[in-house]
C-alpha atoms as a PDB file:
ATOM      1  CA  UNK A   1    -105.964 -39.247 -97.881  1.00  0.00           C
ATOM      2  CA  UNK A   2    -107.909 -40.955 -95.201  1.00  0.00           C
ATOM      3  CA  UNK A   3    -106.012 -42.747 -92.614  1.00  0.00           C
ATOM      4  CA  UNK A   4    -105.802 -43.392 -88.982  1.00  0.00           C
ATOM      5  CA  UNK A   5    -102.925 -42.597 -86.728  1.00  0.00           C
ATOM      6  CA  UNK A   6    -102.161 -45.204 -84.166  1.00  0.00           C
ATOM      7  CA  UNK A   7    -101.193 -44.005 -80.722  1.00  0.00           C
ATOM      8  CA  UNK A   8     -99.093 -46.209 -78.484  1.00  0.00           C
ATOM      9  CA  UNK A   9    -100.819 -46.942 -75.232  1.00  0.00           C
ATOM     10  CA  UNK A  10     -98.903 -45.924 -72.147  1.00  0.00           C
ATOM     11  CA  UNK A  11     -96.892 -48.784 -70.731  1.00  0.00           C
ATOM     12  CA  UNK A  12     -98.201 -50.389 -67.589  1.00  0.00           C
ATOM     13  CA  UNK A  13     -95.090 -52.488 -67.118  1.00  0.00           C
ATOM     14  CA  UNK A  14     -93.809 -52.190 -63.618  1.00  0.00           C
ATOM     15  CA  UNK A  15     -90.224 -52.811 -62.592  1.00  0.00           C
ATOM     16  CA  UNK A  16     -89.643 -56.130 -60.884  1.00  0.00           C
ATOM     17  CA  UNK A  17     -89.753 -56.297 -57.128  1.00  0.00           C
ATOM     18  CA  UNK A  18     -86.754 -57.738 -55.358  1.00  0.00           C
ATOM     19  CA  UNK A  19     -87.393 -59.524 -52.099  1.00  0.00           C
ATOM     20  CA  UNK A  20     -84.713 -60.218 -49.515  1.00  0.00           C
ATOM     21  CA  UNK A  21     -85.439 -62.671 -46.738  1.00  0.00           C
ATOM     22  CA  UNK A  22     -83.161 -63.383 -43.820  1.00  0.00           C
ATOM     23  CA  UNK A  23     -82.775 -65.780 -40.940  1.00  0.00           C
ATOM     24  CA  UNK A  24     -80.557 -66.400 -37.929  1.00  0.00           C
ATOM     25  CA  UNK A  25     -80.246 -69.354 -35.614  1.00  0.00           C
ATOM     26  CA  UNK A  26     -78.163 -70.760 -32.768  1.00  0.00           C
ATOM     27  CA  UNK A  27     -76.579 -74.041 -33.826  1.00  0.00           C
ATOM     28  CA  UNK A  28     -74.869 -74.845 -30.544  1.00  0.00           C
ATOM     29  CA  UNK A  29     -73.178 -73.366 -27.501  1.00  0.00           C
ATOM     30  CA  UNK A  30     -70.404 -71.904 -29.673  1.00  0.00           C
ATOM     31  CA  UNK A  31     -71.955 -71.972 -33.161  1.00  0.00           C
ATOM     32  CA  UNK A  32     -74.340 -69.502 -34.798  1.00  0.00           C
ATOM     33  CA  UNK A  33     -75.528 -68.928 -38.347  1.00  0.00           C
ATOM     34  CA  UNK A  34     -77.183 -66.090 -40.249  1.00  0.00           C
ATOM     35  CA  UNK A  35     -78.255 -65.960 -43.880  1.00  0.00           C
ATOM     36  CA  UNK A  36     -80.215 -64.177 -46.584  1.00  0.00           C
ATOM     37  CA  UNK A  37     -82.127 -65.191 -49.739  1.00  0.00           C
ATOM     38  CA  UNK A  38     -82.871 -62.936 -52.726  1.00  0.00           C
ATOM     39  CA  UNK A  39     -85.826 -63.487 -55.125  1.00  0.00           C
ATOM     40  CA  UNK A  40     -87.450 -61.435 -57.934  1.00  0.00           C
ATOM     41  CA  UNK A  41     -91.234 -60.880 -58.562  1.00  0.00           C
ATOM     42  CA  UNK A  42     -92.106 -59.448 -62.011  1.00  0.00           C
ATOM     43  CA  UNK A  43     -95.465 -58.260 -63.472  1.00  0.00           C
ATOM     44  CA  UNK A  44     -95.803 -57.799 -67.277  1.00  0.00           C
ATOM     45  CA  UNK A  45     -99.102 -56.657 -68.945  1.00  0.00           C
ATOM     46  CA  UNK A  46    -100.892 -59.550 -70.666  1.00  0.00           C
ATOM     47  CA  UNK A  47     -98.873 -62.157 -68.828  1.00  0.00           C
ATOM     48  CA  UNK A  48     -99.221 -63.986 -65.603  1.00  0.00           C
ATOM     49  CA  UNK A  49     -97.099 -62.639 -62.752  1.00  0.00           C
ATOM     50  CA  UNK A  50     -94.032 -64.715 -62.215  1.00  0.00           C
ATOM     51  CA  UNK A  51     -91.506 -65.095 -59.433  1.00  0.00           C
ATOM     52  CA  UNK A  52     -88.059 -66.554 -59.628  1.00  0.00           C
ATOM     53  CA  UNK A  53     -86.639 -68.900 -57.099  1.00  0.00           C
ATOM     54  CA  UNK A  54     -83.905 -67.486 -54.899  1.00  0.00           C
ATOM     55  CA  UNK A  55     -81.258 -66.061 -57.186  1.00  0.00           C
ATOM     56  CA  UNK A  56     -78.673 -66.000 -54.448  1.00  0.00           C
ATOM     57  CA  UNK A  57     -78.225 -67.595 -51.087  1.00  0.00           C
ATOM     58  CA  UNK A  58     -75.766 -66.067 -48.632  1.00  0.00           C
ATOM     59  CA  UNK A  59     -74.875 -67.563 -45.287  1.00  0.00           C
ATOM     60  CA  UNK A  60     -72.407 -66.626 -42.595  1.00  0.00           C
ATOM     61  CA  UNK A  61     -71.434 -69.153 -39.934  1.00  0.00           C
ATOM     62  CA  UNK A  62     -69.702 -67.966 -36.800  1.00  0.00           C
ATOM     63  CA  UNK A  63     -67.723 -70.173 -34.430  1.00  0.00           C
ATOM     64  CA  UNK A  64     -66.655 -68.572 -31.173  1.00  0.00           C
ATOM     65  CA  UNK A  65     -65.714 -65.233 -32.665  1.00  0.00           C
ATOM     66  CA  UNK A  66     -64.475 -66.314 -36.124  1.00  0.00           C
ATOM     67  CA  UNK A  67     -66.672 -66.684 -39.202  1.00  0.00           C
ATOM     68  CA  UNK A  68     -66.710 -67.797 -42.821  1.00  0.00           C
ATOM     69  CA  UNK A  69     -68.917 -66.339 -45.544  1.00  0.00           C
ATOM     70  CA  UNK A  70     -69.987 -68.211 -48.715  1.00  0.00           C
ATOM     71  CA  UNK A  71     -72.260 -67.060 -51.596  1.00  0.00           C
ATOM     72  CA  UNK A  72     -74.037 -69.730 -53.703  1.00  0.00           C
ATOM     73  CA  UNK A  73     -76.913 -69.882 -56.165  1.00  0.00           C
ATOM     74  CA  UNK A  74     -79.782 -72.181 -55.317  1.00  0.00           C
ATOM     75  CA  UNK A  75     -83.373 -72.619 -54.228  1.00  0.00           C
ATOM     76  CA  UNK A  76     -85.055 -72.607 -50.874  1.00  0.00           C
ATOM     77  CA  UNK A  77     -84.337 -76.331 -50.691  1.00  0.00           C
ATOM     78  CA  UNK A  78     -80.632 -75.937 -51.404  1.00  0.00           C
ATOM     79  CA  UNK A  79     -78.407 -77.179 -48.577  1.00  0.00           C
ATOM     80  CA  UNK A  80     -76.464 -74.640 -46.570  1.00  0.00           C
ATOM     81  CA  UNK A  81     -72.880 -74.205 -47.750  1.00  0.00           C
ATOM     82  CA  UNK A  82     -70.100 -75.871 -45.823  1.00  0.00           C
ATOM     83  CA  UNK A  83     -69.151 -73.432 -43.033  1.00  0.00           C
ATOM     84  CA  UNK A  84     -65.701 -75.032 -42.872  1.00  0.00           C
ATOM     85  CA  UNK A  85     -64.546 -75.382 -46.498  1.00  0.00           C
ATOM     86  CA  UNK A  86     -61.848 -77.999 -47.127  1.00  0.00           C
ATOM     87  CA  UNK A  87     -58.229 -76.914 -47.379  1.00  0.00           C
ATOM     88  CA  UNK A  88     -55.549 -79.411 -48.465  1.00  0.00           C
ATOM     89  CA  UNK A  89     -52.807 -79.973 -45.935  1.00  0.00           C
ATOM     90  CA  UNK A  90     -50.326 -79.260 -48.737  1.00  0.00           C
ATOM     91  CA  UNK A  91     -51.726 -75.777 -49.372  1.00  0.00           C
ATOM     92  CA  UNK A  92     -48.995 -73.101 -49.462  1.00  0.00           C
ATOM     93  CA  UNK A  93     -51.333 -70.921 -47.409  1.00  0.00           C
ATOM     94  CA  UNK A  94     -50.774 -73.139 -44.374  1.00  0.00           C
ATOM     95  CA  UNK A  95     -47.033 -72.478 -44.543  1.00  0.00           C
ATOM     96  CA  UNK A  96     -47.529 -68.747 -44.038  1.00  0.00           C
ATOM     97  CA  UNK A  97     -47.139 -67.866 -40.370  1.00  0.00           C
ATOM     98  CA  UNK A  98     -48.957 -64.581 -41.059  1.00  0.00           C
ATOM     99  CA  UNK A  99     -51.622 -65.690 -43.557  1.00  0.00           C
ATOM    100  CA  UNK A 100     -53.423 -62.351 -43.716  1.00  0.00           C
ATOM    101  CA  UNK A 101     -50.663 -59.832 -43.125  1.00  0.00           C
ATOM    102  CA  UNK A 102     -49.088 -58.289 -40.003  1.00  0.00           C
ATOM    103  CA  UNK A 103     -50.727 -59.326 -36.753  1.00  0.00           C
ATOM    104  CA  UNK A 104     -52.468 -62.359 -38.292  1.00  0.00           C
ATOM    105  CA  UNK A 105     -51.921 -65.979 -37.310  1.00  0.00           C
ATOM    106  CA  UNK A 106     -53.356 -69.492 -37.461  1.00  0.00           C
ATOM    107  CA  UNK A 107     -55.144 -71.208 -34.583  1.00  0.00           C
ATOM    108  CA  UNK A 108     -57.277 -74.278 -33.931  1.00  0.00           C
ATOM    109  CA  UNK A 109     -60.785 -73.879 -32.603  1.00  0.00           C
ATOM    110  CA  UNK A 110     -62.251 -76.255 -30.079  1.00  0.00           C
ATOM    111  CA  UNK A 111     -63.670 -78.527 -32.796  1.00  0.00           C
ATOM    112  CA  UNK A 112     -60.430 -79.232 -34.654  1.00  0.00           C
ATOM    113  CA  UNK A 113     -60.847 -76.674 -37.427  1.00  0.00           C
ATOM    114  CA  UNK A 114     -57.952 -74.478 -38.503  1.00  0.00           C
ATOM    115  CA  UNK A 115     -58.792 -70.760 -38.475  1.00  0.00           C
ATOM    116  CA  UNK A 116     -57.188 -67.482 -39.462  1.00  0.00           C
ATOM    117  CA  UNK A 117     -57.143 -64.429 -37.227  1.00  0.00           C
ATOM    118  CA  UNK A 118     -56.288 -60.842 -38.129  1.00  0.00           C
ATOM    119  CA  UNK A 119     -57.014 -57.654 -36.167  1.00  0.00           C
ATOM    120  CA  UNK A 120     -60.382 -56.072 -37.003  1.00  0.00           C
ATOM    121  CA  UNK A 121     -61.176 -58.786 -39.565  1.00  0.00           C
ATOM    122  CA  UNK A 122     -63.598 -61.688 -39.985  1.00  0.00           C
ATOM    123  CA  UNK A 123     -61.728 -64.614 -41.511  1.00  0.00           C
ATOM    124  CA  UNK A 124     -62.727 -68.226 -42.259  1.00  0.00           C
ATOM    125  CA  UNK A 125     -62.064 -71.545 -40.587  1.00  0.00           C
ATOM    126  CA  UNK A 126     -61.144 -74.616 -42.644  1.00  0.00           C
ATOM    127  CA  UNK A 127     -61.325 -78.385 -42.483  1.00  0.00           C
ATOM    128  CA  UNK A 128     -57.836 -79.664 -43.306  1.00  0.00           C
ATOM    129  CA  UNK A 129     -57.825 -82.588 -45.742  1.00  0.00           C
ATOM    130  CA  UNK A 130     -54.954 -84.943 -46.519  1.00  0.00           C
ATOM    131  CA  UNK A 131     -52.213 -86.454 -44.403  1.00  0.00           C
ATOM    132  CA  UNK A 132     -50.628 -83.246 -43.111  1.00  0.00           C
ATOM    133  CA  UNK A 133     -50.574 -82.153 -39.487  1.00  0.00           C
ATOM    134  CA  UNK A 134     -52.846 -79.111 -38.999  1.00  0.00           C
ATOM    135  CA  UNK A 135     -51.078 -78.413 -35.718  1.00  0.00           C
ATOM    136  CA  UNK A 136     -47.953 -77.497 -37.689  1.00  0.00           C
ATOM    137  CA  UNK A 137     -49.721 -74.342 -38.879  1.00  0.00           C
ATOM    138  CA  UNK A 138     -52.170 -73.853 -36.033  1.00  0.00           C
ATOM    139  CA  UNK A 139     -51.146 -74.655 -32.463  1.00  0.00           C
ATOM    140  CA  UNK A 140     -53.938 -75.523 -30.021  1.00  0.00           C
ATOM    141  CA  UNK A 141     -55.561 -72.361 -28.777  1.00  0.00           C
ATOM    142  CA  UNK A 142     -54.705 -71.621 -25.129  1.00  0.00           C
ATOM    143  CA  UNK A 143     -54.715 -68.398 -23.107  1.00  0.00           C
ATOM    144  CA  UNK A 144     -50.912 -68.364 -23.299  1.00  0.00           C
ATOM    145  CA  UNK A 145     -50.831 -68.600 -27.116  1.00  0.00           C
ATOM    146  CA  UNK A 146     -53.466 -65.867 -27.425  1.00  0.00           C
ATOM    147  CA  UNK A 147     -51.454 -63.702 -25.006  1.00  0.00           C
ATOM    148  CA  UNK A 148     -48.266 -64.199 -27.038  1.00  0.00           C
ATOM    149  CA  UNK A 149     -49.939 -62.908 -30.190  1.00  0.00           C
ATOM    150  CA  UNK A 150     -51.550 -60.012 -28.339  1.00  0.00           C
ATOM    151  CA  UNK A 151     -48.172 -59.048 -26.840  1.00  0.00           C
ATOM    152  CA  UNK A 152     -46.710 -58.883 -30.360  1.00  0.00           C
ATOM    153  CA  UNK A 153     -49.126 -56.020 -31.102  1.00  0.00           C
ATOM    154  CA  UNK A 154     -48.179 -53.896 -28.087  1.00  0.00           C
ATOM    155  CA  UNK A 155     -46.438 -50.640 -29.015  1.00  0.00           C
ATOM    156  CA  UNK A 156     -43.475 -50.796 -26.629  1.00  0.00           C
ATOM    157  CA  UNK A 157     -41.351 -47.688 -27.187  1.00  0.00           C
ATOM    158  CA  UNK A 158     -38.631 -46.286 -24.893  1.00  0.00           C
ATOM    159  CA  UNK A 159     -39.190 -42.703 -26.004  1.00  0.00           C
ATOM    160  CA  UNK A 160     -36.478 -40.197 -26.935  1.00  0.00           C
ATOM    161  CA  UNK A 161     -33.777 -39.384 -24.387  1.00  0.00           C
ATOM    162  CA  UNK A 162     -33.727 -35.696 -23.386  1.00  0.00           C
ATOM    163  CA  UNK A 163     -31.219 -33.819 -21.197  1.00  0.00           C
ATOM    164  CA  UNK A 164     -30.819 -30.515 -19.396  1.00  0.00           C
ATOM    165  CA  UNK A 165     -28.363 -28.895 -19.999  1.00  0.00           C
ATOM    166  CA  UNK A 166     -29.083 -30.027 -23.533  1.00  0.00           C
ATOM    167  CA  UNK A 167     -25.642 -29.552 -25.140  1.00  0.00           C
ATOM    168  CA  UNK A 168     -23.264 -30.613 -22.380  1.00  0.00           C
ATOM    169  CA  UNK A 169     -23.346 -31.196 -18.657  1.00  0.00           C
ATOM    170  CA  UNK A 170     -21.120 -29.470 -16.101  1.00  0.00           C
ATOM    171  CA  UNK A 171     -19.146 -31.181 -13.364  1.00  0.00           C
ATOM    172  CA  UNK A 172     -20.446 -30.432  -9.880  1.00  0.00           C
ATOM    173  CA  UNK A 173     -23.909 -29.410 -11.149  1.00  0.00           C
ATOM    174  CA  UNK A 174     -26.929 -31.674 -11.501  1.00  0.00           C
ATOM    175  CA  UNK A 175     -27.947 -32.750 -14.998  1.00  0.00           C
ATOM    176  CA  UNK A 176     -31.579 -33.736 -15.610  1.00  0.00           C
ATOM    177  CA  UNK A 177     -32.643 -36.667 -17.796  1.00  0.00           C
ATOM    178  CA  UNK A 178     -36.032 -37.836 -19.070  1.00  0.00           C
ATOM    179  CA  UNK A 179     -37.695 -39.877 -21.813  1.00  0.00           C
ATOM    180  CA  UNK A 180     -40.145 -38.195 -24.193  1.00  0.00           C
ATOM    181  CA  UNK A 181     -42.759 -39.553 -24.374  1.00  0.00           C
ATOM    182  CA  UNK A 182     -42.237 -41.383 -21.129  1.00  0.00           C
ATOM    183  CA  UNK A 183     -43.004 -45.134 -21.222  1.00  0.00           C
ATOM    184  CA  UNK A 184     -46.265 -45.972 -19.472  1.00  0.00           C
ATOM    185  CA  UNK A 185     -48.149 -49.169 -18.749  1.00  0.00           C
ATOM    186  CA  UNK A 186     -49.568 -50.648 -21.973  1.00  0.00           C
ATOM    187  CA  UNK A 187     -52.637 -52.890 -22.135  1.00  0.00           C
ATOM    188  CA  UNK A 188     -54.386 -54.730 -24.968  1.00  0.00           C
ATOM    189  CA  UNK A 189     -57.271 -57.229 -24.995  1.00  0.00           C
ATOM    190  CA  UNK A 190     -58.526 -59.854 -27.421  1.00  0.00           C
ATOM    191  CA  UNK A 191     -61.489 -62.228 -27.373  1.00  0.00           C
ATOM    192  CA  UNK A 192     -61.008 -65.329 -29.503  1.00  0.00           C
ATOM    193  CA  UNK A 193     -62.828 -68.672 -29.532  1.00  0.00           C
ATOM    194  CA  UNK A 194     -64.705 -67.736 -26.377  1.00  0.00           C
ATOM    195  CA  UNK A 195     -61.558 -66.808 -24.458  1.00  0.00           C
ATOM    196  CA  UNK A 196     -61.006 -63.188 -23.370  1.00  0.00           C
ATOM    197  CA  UNK A 197     -57.348 -62.355 -22.760  1.00  0.00           C
ATOM    198  CA  UNK A 198     -55.906 -59.063 -21.497  1.00  0.00           C
ATOM    199  CA  UNK A 199     -52.163 -58.466 -21.735  1.00  0.00           C
ATOM    200  CA  UNK A 200     -50.433 -55.817 -19.615  1.00  0.00           C
ATOM    201  CA  UNK A 201     -46.860 -54.523 -20.014  1.00  0.00           C
ATOM    202  CA  UNK A 202     -45.376 -52.524 -17.113  1.00  0.00           C
ATOM    203  CA  UNK A 203     -42.130 -50.557 -17.745  1.00  0.00           C
ATOM    204  CA  UNK A 204     -39.124 -50.550 -15.417  1.00  0.00           C
ATOM    205  CA  UNK A 205     -36.274 -48.202 -16.350  1.00  0.00           C
ATOM    206  CA  UNK A 206     -32.564 -48.641 -15.699  1.00  0.00           C
ATOM    207  CA  UNK A 207     -30.502 -45.472 -16.128  1.00  0.00           C
ATOM    208  CA  UNK A 208     -26.762 -45.702 -16.886  1.00  0.00           C
ATOM    209  CA  UNK A 209     -24.960 -42.363 -16.868  1.00  0.00           C
ATOM    210  CA  UNK A 210     -21.767 -43.516 -18.553  1.00  0.00           C
ATOM    211  CA  UNK A 211     -19.406 -42.858 -15.645  1.00  0.00           C
ATOM    212  CA  UNK A 212     -20.133 -46.169 -13.927  1.00  0.00           C
ATOM    213  CA  UNK A 213     -23.173 -44.887 -12.018  1.00  0.00           C
ATOM    214  CA  UNK A 214     -26.608 -46.497 -12.461  1.00  0.00           C
ATOM    215  CA  UNK A 215     -30.043 -45.943 -10.954  1.00  0.00           C
ATOM    216  CA  UNK A 216     -33.462 -47.589 -11.235  1.00  0.00           C
ATOM    217  CA  UNK A 217     -36.076 -44.927 -11.761  1.00  0.00           C
ATOM    218  CA  UNK A 218     -39.035 -43.776 -13.745  1.00  0.00           C
ATOM    219  CA  UNK A 219     -39.108 -41.938 -17.084  1.00  0.00           C
ATOM    220  CA  UNK A 220     -37.974 -38.690 -15.443  1.00  0.00           C
ATOM    221  CA  UNK A 221     -39.464 -35.208 -15.899  1.00  0.00           C
ATOM    222  CA  UNK A 222     -38.251 -32.126 -17.810  1.00  0.00           C
ATOM    223  CA  UNK A 223     -36.145 -29.632 -15.904  1.00  0.00           C
ATOM    224  CA  UNK A 224     -38.030 -27.149 -13.746  1.00  0.00           C
ATOM    225  CA  UNK A 225     -36.791 -24.493 -11.368  1.00  0.00           C
ATOM    226  CA  UNK A 226     -37.426 -24.768  -7.673  1.00  0.00           C
ATOM    227  CA  UNK A 227     -37.925 -27.904  -5.631  1.00  0.00           C
ATOM    228  CA  UNK A 228     -36.832 -31.080  -7.401  1.00  0.00           C
ATOM    229  CA  UNK A 229     -39.934 -33.299  -7.902  1.00  0.00           C
ATOM    230  CA  UNK A 230     -39.880 -36.907  -6.722  1.00  0.00           C
ATOM    231  CA  UNK A 231     -40.063 -38.245 -10.292  1.00  0.00           C
ATOM    232  CA  UNK A 232     -36.965 -36.373 -11.499  1.00  0.00           C
ATOM    233  CA  UNK A 233     -33.916 -38.321 -12.683  1.00  0.00           C
ATOM    234  CA  UNK A 234     -30.753 -36.294 -11.990  1.00  0.00           C
ATOM    235  CA  UNK A 235     -27.029 -36.995 -11.792  1.00  0.00           C
ATOM    236  CA  UNK A 236     -23.941 -35.032 -10.804  1.00  0.00           C
ATOM    237  CA  UNK A 237     -20.760 -35.800 -12.753  1.00  0.00           C
ATOM    238  CA  UNK A 238     -17.423 -35.432 -10.966  1.00  0.00           C
ATOM    239  CA  UNK A 239     -15.121 -35.773 -13.988  1.00  0.00           C
ATOM    240  CA  UNK A 240     -15.239 -34.061 -17.347  1.00  0.00           C
ATOM    241  CA  UNK A 241     -15.599 -36.030 -20.613  1.00  0.00           C
ATOM    242  CA  UNK A 242     -15.473 -34.005 -23.808  1.00  0.00           C
ATOM    243  CA  UNK A 243     -14.861 -35.040 -27.420  1.00  0.00           C
ATOM    244  CA  UNK A 244     -11.135 -35.520 -27.891  1.00  0.00           C
ATOM    245  CA  UNK A 245     -10.364 -35.922 -24.177  1.00  0.00           C
ATOM    246  CA  UNK A 246      -9.751 -39.653 -24.361  1.00  0.00           C
ATOM    247  CA  UNK A 247      -6.051 -40.291 -24.988  1.00  0.00           C
ATOM    248  CA  UNK A 248      -5.059 -36.665 -24.415  1.00  0.00           C
ATOM    249  CA  UNK A 249      -6.303 -35.744 -20.947  1.00  0.00           C
ATOM    250  CA  UNK A 250      -4.849 -38.075 -18.278  1.00  0.00           C
ATOM    251  CA  UNK A 251      -7.505 -37.060 -15.763  1.00  0.00           C
ATOM    252  CA  UNK A 252     -10.579 -38.347 -17.651  1.00  0.00           C
ATOM    253  CA  UNK A 253     -12.090 -41.733 -16.827  1.00  0.00           C
ATOM    254  CA  UNK A 254     -11.207 -44.751 -18.940  1.00  0.00           C
ATOM    255  CA  UNK A 255     -14.891 -45.168 -19.797  1.00  0.00           C
ATOM    256  CA  UNK A 256     -15.128 -41.668 -21.250  1.00  0.00           C
ATOM    257  CA  UNK A 257     -16.172 -42.107 -24.870  1.00  0.00           C
ATOM    258  CA  UNK A 258     -14.923 -40.313 -27.944  1.00  0.00           C
ATOM    259  CA  UNK A 259     -18.009 -38.026 -27.949  1.00  0.00           C
ATOM    260  CA  UNK A 260     -18.767 -37.931 -24.229  1.00  0.00           C
ATOM    261  CA  UNK A 261     -20.298 -40.267 -21.690  1.00  0.00           C
ATOM    262  CA  UNK A 262     -22.559 -42.970 -23.129  1.00  0.00           C
ATOM    263  CA  UNK A 263     -25.933 -42.224 -21.544  1.00  0.00           C
ATOM    264  CA  UNK A 264     -28.447 -45.098 -21.750  1.00  0.00           C
ATOM    265  CA  UNK A 265     -32.012 -45.692 -20.559  1.00  0.00           C
ATOM    266  CA  UNK A 266     -33.056 -49.336 -20.801  1.00  0.00           C
ATOM    267  CA  UNK A 267     -36.780 -50.073 -20.430  1.00  0.00           C
ATOM    268  CA  UNK A 268     -37.628 -53.592 -19.241  1.00  0.00           C
ATOM    269  CA  UNK A 269     -41.259 -54.432 -19.936  1.00  0.00           C
ATOM    270  CA  UNK A 270     -42.741 -56.898 -17.433  1.00  0.00           C
ATOM    271  CA  UNK A 271     -45.546 -58.620 -19.371  1.00  0.00           C
ATOM    272  CA  UNK A 272     -48.436 -60.509 -17.775  1.00  0.00           C
ATOM    273  CA  UNK A 273     -51.845 -61.719 -18.937  1.00  0.00           C
ATOM    274  CA  UNK A 274     -55.257 -62.456 -17.488  1.00  0.00           C
ATOM    275  CA  UNK A 275     -57.734 -64.819 -19.182  1.00  0.00           C
ATOM    276  CA  UNK A 276     -61.405 -65.605 -18.622  1.00  0.00           C
ATOM    277  CA  UNK A 277     -63.856 -67.818 -20.474  1.00  0.00           C
ATOM    278  CA  UNK A 278     -63.511 -71.563 -20.930  1.00  0.00           C
ATOM    279  CA  UNK A 279     -60.256 -71.236 -18.981  1.00  0.00           C
ATOM    280  CA  UNK A 280     -59.705 -68.663 -16.244  1.00  0.00           C
ATOM    281  CA  UNK A 281     -56.045 -68.131 -15.500  1.00  0.00           C
ATOM    282  CA  UNK A 282     -53.169 -65.671 -15.203  1.00  0.00           C
ATOM    283  CA  UNK A 283     -49.561 -65.903 -16.316  1.00  0.00           C
ATOM    284  CA  UNK A 284     -46.432 -64.090 -17.439  1.00  0.00           C
ATOM    285  CA  UNK A 285     -44.567 -63.780 -20.734  1.00  0.00           C
ATOM    286  CA  UNK A 286     -40.836 -63.179 -21.324  1.00  0.00           C
ATOM    287  CA  UNK A 287     -39.605 -59.690 -20.468  1.00  0.00           C
ATOM    288  CA  UNK A 288     -38.901 -57.398 -23.423  1.00  0.00           C
ATOM    289  CA  UNK A 289     -36.407 -54.540 -23.480  1.00  0.00           C
ATOM    290  CA  UNK A 290     -36.216 -51.306 -25.452  1.00  0.00           C
ATOM    291  CA  UNK A 291     -33.321 -48.845 -25.247  1.00  0.00           C
ATOM    292  CA  UNK A 292     -32.680 -45.158 -25.847  1.00  0.00           C
ATOM    293  CA  UNK A 293     -29.055 -43.948 -25.841  1.00  0.00           C
ATOM    294  CA  UNK A 294     -27.024 -40.817 -26.640  1.00  0.00           C
ATOM    295  CA  UNK A 295     -23.495 -39.451 -26.150  1.00  0.00           C
ATOM    296  CA  UNK A 296     -23.480 -36.783 -23.416  1.00  0.00           C
ATOM    297  CA  UNK A 297     -20.420 -34.497 -23.130  1.00  0.00           C
ATOM    298  CA  UNK A 298     -19.590 -33.115 -19.697  1.00  0.00           C
ATOM    299  CA  UNK A 299     -17.449 -30.004 -19.280  1.00  0.00           C
ATOM    300  CA  UNK A 300     -15.940 -28.455 -16.184  1.00  0.00           C
ATOM    301  CA  UNK A 301     -15.469 -25.013 -14.716  1.00  0.00           C
ATOM    302  CA  UNK A 302     -11.962 -24.300 -13.426  1.00  0.00           C
ATOM    303  CA  UNK A 303     -10.857 -21.614 -11.007  1.00  0.00           C
ATOM    304  CA  UNK A 304      -7.457 -19.955 -11.265  1.00  0.00           C
ATOM    305  CA  UNK A 305      -5.556 -17.812  -8.776  1.00  0.00           C
ATOM    306  CA  UNK A 306      -4.318 -14.584 -10.326  1.00  0.00           C
ATOM    307  CA  UNK A 307      -2.067 -11.937  -8.913  1.00  0.00           C
ATOM    308  CA  UNK A 308      -4.007  -8.918  -7.793  1.00  0.00           C
ATOM    309  CA  UNK A 309      -3.397  -5.520  -9.252  1.00  0.00           C
ATOM    310  CA  UNK A 310      -1.102  -3.161  -7.308  1.00  0.00           C
ATOM    311  CA  UNK A 311      -1.992   0.417  -6.662  1.00  0.00           C
END
């Protein structure tokens, strides 16, 4: 049987080429834009090469540190997407004081747009539509309002109260007290809408030893033998105060608690801010307090006269 076997010619079809073009431009003193366009070029044997128009157009518009990102289909002649998409004044989102979770808040930029901020995030700005008041959700942005939100993120901890002796003090002997970790000056900065704000919290510590004695000092240091360092916080109790003493021992102080003296370290954080940018200024915020407290029993050593042995 005569015949011919046909052999398929190797394919010369090449995979399409994808081209990504990009641009960036300065739109004003506080506005910038960047974008990208994606197109496909395909070659098929026996056909004319063909190229698609842009299959996607991506643009990001940044306004003084905040940005919005929109993806749209289109051609090279398509208009840029609205960098400030409309948001109805009745939107439930505007009623959320923390629209993007802990640490987030609303603010108004210098052009009347309402924007979201969240730490380490890039979030959009909106044009509010309708009859609502955008200021209800987003107060005008000032160094003081930025500082208030920054202060909310400060980790202000008093530390754990430690003592030596650890179980109970002894009248007539110095007890040592300290906070672990000891509170130190905290500082946090944020740049938003062209304004750079640094907030500083400085701790001041008030020690109350439970017997009516108080002292202003630092965080204290752990007990160490030898010369008492200048940063040590010590106190000598004159009167015992043990669990069960109150109501049974007439010699204990009226302020002796059921489990010992109430020992308290109150940390007052003095908060200030410094701003630079469109406005250069300094200011203060309300003082915040954190407290560490424990019950501290104090015992006593008593001496007794005994009759000596006779020979």
